[in-house]
């Protein structure tokens, strides 16, 4: 009885949080298209998110290309299909592996950072002071960060995919004596608009989800300084879970659309 009651309370709390997140997203769309627009703060957040994540995304993408090629090459060689390596790696990385892995990396860095930053501002009453002074903290703090994450994540994913292909080409050059020019010619021949467009579209959704969850957790932070850590941790968990849900829906819809 006690266990079932606890489960029902957890489900109720989860559904309540989903409702609050939905209302938070609705408020974002309302505030994002009303004046005044905080362009200076938006540019600052774009620079911070992109600049601070660039090295991490680059290293992750390079290692991803190396490992994926090293693991796939022996299997393809068994079937005498080593020449298909550039096509297989490019399609796999651009369509699915690159966007998801890089989005998860950015969720761990960007979403947790936003949650901790806004959470500390909430518990130290800086957000309350902004409200009292007559400014709109939601527009200045939340809207700019969500829009910055939405705009920067596709660029980070494109950069990470490119670095991953460079790492794959390096392995092919060392193991299979394939020139970089030949490798990237095969990559360009293999990729189609039906591979690039869905991946780019869902990367915008990934960025929106990462920014939204991080801002939601940080802006509604409670329980003092302990709540800052909880907001940061839960932002990563919720954002990661939301990324997989968005990825499944995006792949399902794109398969139906491009089949038609």
Protein backbone atom coordinates (compact mmCIF):
# COMPACT_ATOMS: atom_id res chain seq x y z
CA UNK A 1 0.00 0.00 0.00
CA UNK A 2 2.77 2.41 0.95
CA UNK A 3 4.75 1.51 -2.18
CA UNK A 4 1.76 2.06 -4.48
CA UNK A 5 1.02 5.37 -2.77
CA UNK A 6 4.63 6.47 -3.27
CA UNK A 7 4.52 5.46 -6.96
CA UNK A 8 1.29 7.37 -7.49
CA UNK A 9 2.81 10.46 -5.86
CA UNK A 10 5.89 10.20 -8.09
CA UNK A 11 3.70 9.89 -11.20
CA UNK A 12 1.60 12.85 -10.07
CA UNK A 13 4.73 14.92 -9.43
CA UNK A 14 6.15 13.97 -12.84
CA UNK A 15 2.94 14.93 -14.66
CA UNK A 16 2.75 18.17 -12.71
CA UNK A 17 6.31 19.02 -13.73
CA UNK A 18 5.50 18.29 -17.38
CA UNK A 19 2.57 20.70 -17.12
CA UNK A 20 4.78 23.39 -15.58
CA UNK A 21 7.39 22.86 -18.30
CA UNK A 22 4.71 23.22 -20.97
CA UNK A 23 3.51 26.47 -19.43
CA UNK A 24 7.13 27.64 -19.22
CA UNK A 25 7.57 26.94 -22.95
CA UNK A 26 4.32 28.76 -23.72
CA UNK A 27 5.55 31.79 -21.80
CA UNK A 28 8.82 31.67 -23.74
CA UNK A 29 7.06 31.88 -27.11
CA UNK A 30 4.92 34.74 -25.81
CA UNK A 31 7.90 36.72 -24.49
CA UNK A 32 10.20 35.93 -27.45
CA UNK A 33 8.06 37.84 -29.95
CA UNK A 34 7.24 40.89 -27.85
CA UNK A 35 9.35 44.01 -27.38
CA UNK A 36 11.89 44.90 -26.12
CA UNK A 37 14.34 42.43 -27.68
CA UNK A 38 17.57 41.76 -25.81
CA UNK A 39 19.86 41.43 -28.86
CA UNK A 40 23.05 42.31 -26.99
CA UNK A 41 22.47 39.68 -24.32
CA UNK A 42 21.48 37.15 -27.01
CA UNK A 43 24.77 37.70 -28.85
CA UNK A 44 26.70 37.40 -25.60
CA UNK A 45 25.01 34.11 -24.76
CA UNK A 46 25.60 32.79 -28.29
CA UNK A 47 29.30 33.59 -27.99
CA UNK A 48 29.58 32.04 -24.53
CA UNK A 49 27.79 28.82 -25.44
CA UNK A 50 29.57 28.39 -28.75
CA UNK A 51 33.04 29.40 -27.61
CA UNK A 52 33.02 27.36 -24.42
CA UNK A 53 31.69 24.23 -26.14
CA UNK A 54 33.81 24.38 -29.30
CA UNK A 55 36.86 22.51 -28.00
CA UNK A 56 34.78 19.84 -26.26
CA UNK A 57 32.66 19.25 -29.38
CA UNK A 58 35.74 19.16 -31.60
CA UNK A 59 37.54 16.57 -29.44
CA UNK A 60 34.37 14.49 -29.12
CA UNK A 61 33.72 14.56 -32.87
CA UNK A 62 37.33 13.64 -33.72
CA UNK A 63 37.37 10.68 -31.34
CA UNK A 64 33.93 9.63 -32.60
CA UNK A 65 35.20 9.48 -36.19
CA UNK A 66 38.32 7.57 -35.17
CA UNK A 67 36.55 4.96 -33.06
CA UNK A 68 33.61 4.44 -35.42
CA UNK A 69 35.93 3.85 -38.38
CA UNK A 70 38.26 1.56 -36.44
CA UNK A 71 35.33 -0.54 -35.22
CA UNK A 72 33.56 -0.72 -38.60
CA UNK A 73 36.54 -1.32 -40.87
CA UNK A 74 37.28 -5.00 -39.92
CA UNK A 75 33.64 -6.02 -40.49
CA UNK A 76 33.46 -4.33 -43.88
CA UNK A 77 36.77 -5.91 -44.91
CA UNK A 78 35.37 -9.38 -44.13
CA UNK A 79 32.64 -8.77 -46.71
CA UNK A 80 35.00 -7.10 -49.18
CA UNK A 81 33.16 -3.80 -48.81
CA UNK A 82 35.93 -1.58 -47.43
CA UNK A 83 35.34 0.84 -50.32
CA UNK A 84 31.93 1.62 -48.78
CA UNK A 85 33.53 2.98 -45.61
CA UNK A 86 33.30 6.72 -46.51
CA UNK A 87 29.64 6.40 -47.52
CA UNK A 88 28.63 4.40 -44.44
CA UNK A 89 30.51 6.58 -41.96
CA UNK A 90 29.32 9.88 -43.44
CA UNK A 91 25.65 8.86 -43.57
CA UNK A 92 25.73 7.36 -40.06
CA UNK A 93 27.46 10.36 -38.49
CA UNK A 94 25.51 13.08 -40.30
CA UNK A 95 22.08 11.50 -39.92
CA UNK A 96 22.15 10.09 -36.42
CA UNK A 97 25.33 9.49 -34.43
CA UNK A 98 26.81 12.97 -34.70
CA UNK A 99 23.71 15.00 -33.75
CA UNK A 100 22.73 12.74 -30.85
CA UNK A 101 26.20 12.34 -29.29
CA UNK A 102 27.08 16.03 -29.62
CA UNK A 103 23.65 17.06 -28.31
CA UNK A 104 24.17 14.85 -25.26
CA UNK A 105 27.60 16.38 -24.70
CA UNK A 106 26.10 19.87 -24.96
CA UNK A 107 23.24 18.88 -22.64
CA UNK A 108 25.81 17.97 -20.00
CA UNK A 109 27.67 21.25 -20.42
CA UNK A 110 25.15 23.89 -21.51
CA UNK A 111 22.00 22.71 -19.75
CA UNK A 112 23.74 22.08 -16.44
CA UNK A 113 25.54 25.42 -16.72
CA UNK A 114 22.29 27.30 -17.33
CA UNK A 115 20.57 25.46 -14.48
CA UNK A 116 23.37 26.24 -12.04
CA UNK A 117 23.68 29.88 -13.15
CA UNK A 118 19.98 30.71 -12.95
CA UNK A 119 19.56 28.59 -9.83
CA UNK A 120 22.25 30.54 -8.00
CA UNK A 121 20.63 33.79 -9.13
CA UNK A 122 17.28 32.57 -7.79
CA UNK A 123 18.54 31.50 -4.35
CA UNK A 124 20.58 34.69 -3.93
CA UNK A 125 17.43 36.69 -4.80
CA UNK A 126 18.98 38.40 -7.83
CA UNK A 127 15.97 37.45 -9.97
CA UNK A 128 13.62 38.82 -7.30
CA UNK A 129 15.61 42.08 -7.28
CA UNK A 130 15.22 42.36 -11.07
CA UNK A 131 11.46 41.90 -10.74
CA UNK A 132 11.25 44.55 -8.02
CA UNK A 133 13.29 47.02 -10.10
CA UNK A 134 10.74 46.82 -12.91
CA UNK A 135 12.77 44.81 -15.44
CA UNK A 136 11.63 41.54 -17.00
CA UNK A 137 14.05 38.83 -15.81
CA UNK A 138 12.29 36.15 -17.87
CA UNK A 139 12.99 37.96 -21.13
CA UNK A 140 16.55 38.92 -20.20
CA UNK A 141 17.63 35.63 -18.61
CA UNK A 142 15.45 32.89 -20.08
CA UNK A 143 14.51 33.96 -23.61
CA UNK A 144 18.06 34.90 -24.56
CA UNK A 145 19.53 31.61 -23.30
CA UNK A 146 16.93 29.40 -24.98
CA UNK A 147 17.30 31.24 -28.28
CA UNK A 148 21.10 31.11 -28.03
CA UNK A 149 21.06 27.35 -27.42
CA UNK A 150 18.61 26.87 -30.31
CA UNK A 151 20.82 28.83 -32.70
CA UNK A 152 24.23 27.55 -31.60
CA UNK A 153 23.63 23.81 -31.32
CA UNK A 154 23.14 23.25 -35.09
CA UNK A 155 26.44 25.05 -35.71
CA UNK A 156 28.19 22.95 -33.07
CA UNK A 157 26.74 19.77 -34.57
CA UNK A 158 27.88 20.73 -38.08
CA UNK A 159 31.36 21.49 -36.71
CA UNK A 160 31.45 18.20 -34.79
CA UNK A 161 30.30 16.20 -37.84
CA UNK A 162 33.02 17.79 -39.98
CA UNK A 163 35.72 17.00 -37.40
CA UNK A 164 34.40 13.42 -37.09
CA UNK A 165 34.72 12.94 -40.85
CA UNK A 166 38.27 14.29 -40.69
CA UNK A 167 39.09 11.69 -38.01
CA UNK A 168 37.53 8.95 -40.12
CA UNK A 169 39.48 10.10 -43.18
CA UNK A 170 42.69 10.02 -41.14
CA UNK A 171 42.13 6.37 -40.20
CA UNK A 172 41.31 5.46 -43.80
CA UNK A 173 44.44 7.26 -44.96
CA UNK A 174 46.62 5.35 -42.48
CA UNK A 175 44.95 1.93 -42.66
CA UNK A 176 43.64 1.79 -46.22
CA UNK A 177 45.96 4.20 -48.05
CA UNK A 178 42.97 6.31 -49.14
CA UNK A 179 43.74 9.95 -49.93
CA UNK A 180 41.79 12.71 -48.20
CA UNK A 181 40.57 14.01 -51.58
CA UNK A 182 39.18 10.62 -52.60
CA UNK A 183 37.60 10.10 -49.19
CA UNK A 184 35.71 13.40 -49.18
CA UNK A 185 34.67 12.94 -52.82
CA UNK A 186 33.01 9.69 -51.73
CA UNK A 187 31.42 11.47 -48.77
CA UNK A 188 29.92 14.19 -50.97
CA UNK A 189 28.61 11.59 -53.42
CA UNK A 190 26.97 9.60 -50.62
CA UNK A 191 25.23 12.45 -48.78
CA UNK A 192 21.85 13.68 -50.04
CA UNK A 193 19.48 16.42 -48.97
CA UNK A 194 17.31 13.73 -47.36
CA UNK A 195 20.24 13.04 -45.03
CA UNK A 196 21.18 16.63 -44.20
CA UNK A 197 17.78 18.37 -43.86
CA UNK A 198 16.23 16.11 -41.16
CA UNK A 199 19.48 16.12 -39.16
CA UNK A 200 19.71 19.92 -39.29
CA UNK A 201 16.03 20.35 -38.42
CA UNK A 202 16.17 18.15 -35.35
CA UNK A 203 19.38 19.85 -34.20
CA UNK A 204 17.37 23.07 -33.74
CA UNK A 205 14.88 21.10 -31.64
CA UNK A 206 17.74 19.62 -29.63
CA UNK A 207 19.05 23.10 -28.87
CA UNK A 208 15.62 24.33 -27.88
CA UNK A 209 15.12 21.37 -25.52
CA UNK A 210 18.53 21.85 -23.91
CA UNK A 211 17.97 25.57 -23.32
CA UNK A 212 14.36 25.13 -22.19
CA UNK A 213 15.07 22.45 -19.59
CA UNK A 214 18.14 24.22 -18.23
CA UNK A 215 16.27 27.52 -17.86
CA UNK A 216 13.19 25.83 -16.38
CA UNK A 217 15.16 24.01 -13.71
CA UNK A 218 17.30 27.01 -12.82
CA UNK A 219 14.55 29.64 -12.91
CA UNK A 220 12.30 27.57 -10.61
CA UNK A 221 15.11 26.49 -8.27
CA UNK A 222 14.17 26.13 -4.59
CA UNK A 223 15.62 24.77 -1.32
CA UNK A 224 18.50 27.22 -1.09
CA UNK A 225 22.01 26.35 -2.22
CA UNK A 226 21.21 22.61 -2.16
CA UNK A 227 18.61 23.25 -4.83
CA UNK A 228 21.27 24.67 -7.17
CA UNK A 229 23.00 21.30 -7.39
CA UNK A 230 19.67 19.52 -7.78
CA UNK A 231 18.63 21.90 -10.55
CA UNK A 232 21.91 21.36 -12.39
CA UNK A 233 21.76 17.57 -12.14
CA UNK A 234 18.08 17.25 -13.01
CA UNK A 235 18.54 19.60 -15.97
CA UNK A 236 21.03 17.16 -17.53
CA UNK A 237 18.80 14.14 -16.87
CA UNK A 238 15.61 15.72 -18.21
CA UNK A 239 17.37 17.25 -21.21
CA UNK A 240 19.00 13.93 -22.14
CA UNK A 241 15.70 12.09 -21.87
CA UNK A 242 13.95 14.75 -23.95
CA UNK A 243 16.66 14.52 -26.63
CA UNK A 244 15.97 10.81 -27.16
CA UNK A 245 12.22 11.44 -27.37
CA UNK A 246 12.69 14.24 -29.91
CA UNK A 247 15.13 12.10 -31.91
CA UNK A 248 12.66 9.22 -32.13
CA UNK A 249 9.82 11.49 -33.25
CA UNK A 250 12.03 13.31 -35.77
CA UNK A 251 13.34 10.07 -37.31
CA UNK A 252 9.82 8.61 -37.48
CA UNK A 253 8.39 11.70 -39.21
CA UNK A 254 11.33 12.12 -41.60
CA UNK A 255 11.13 8.47 -42.69
CA UNK A 256 7.44 8.88 -43.52
CA UNK A 257 7.99 12.23 -45.27
CA UNK A 258 10.92 11.16 -47.43
CA UNK A 259 9.34 7.80 -48.29
CA UNK A 260 6.35 9.68 -49.69
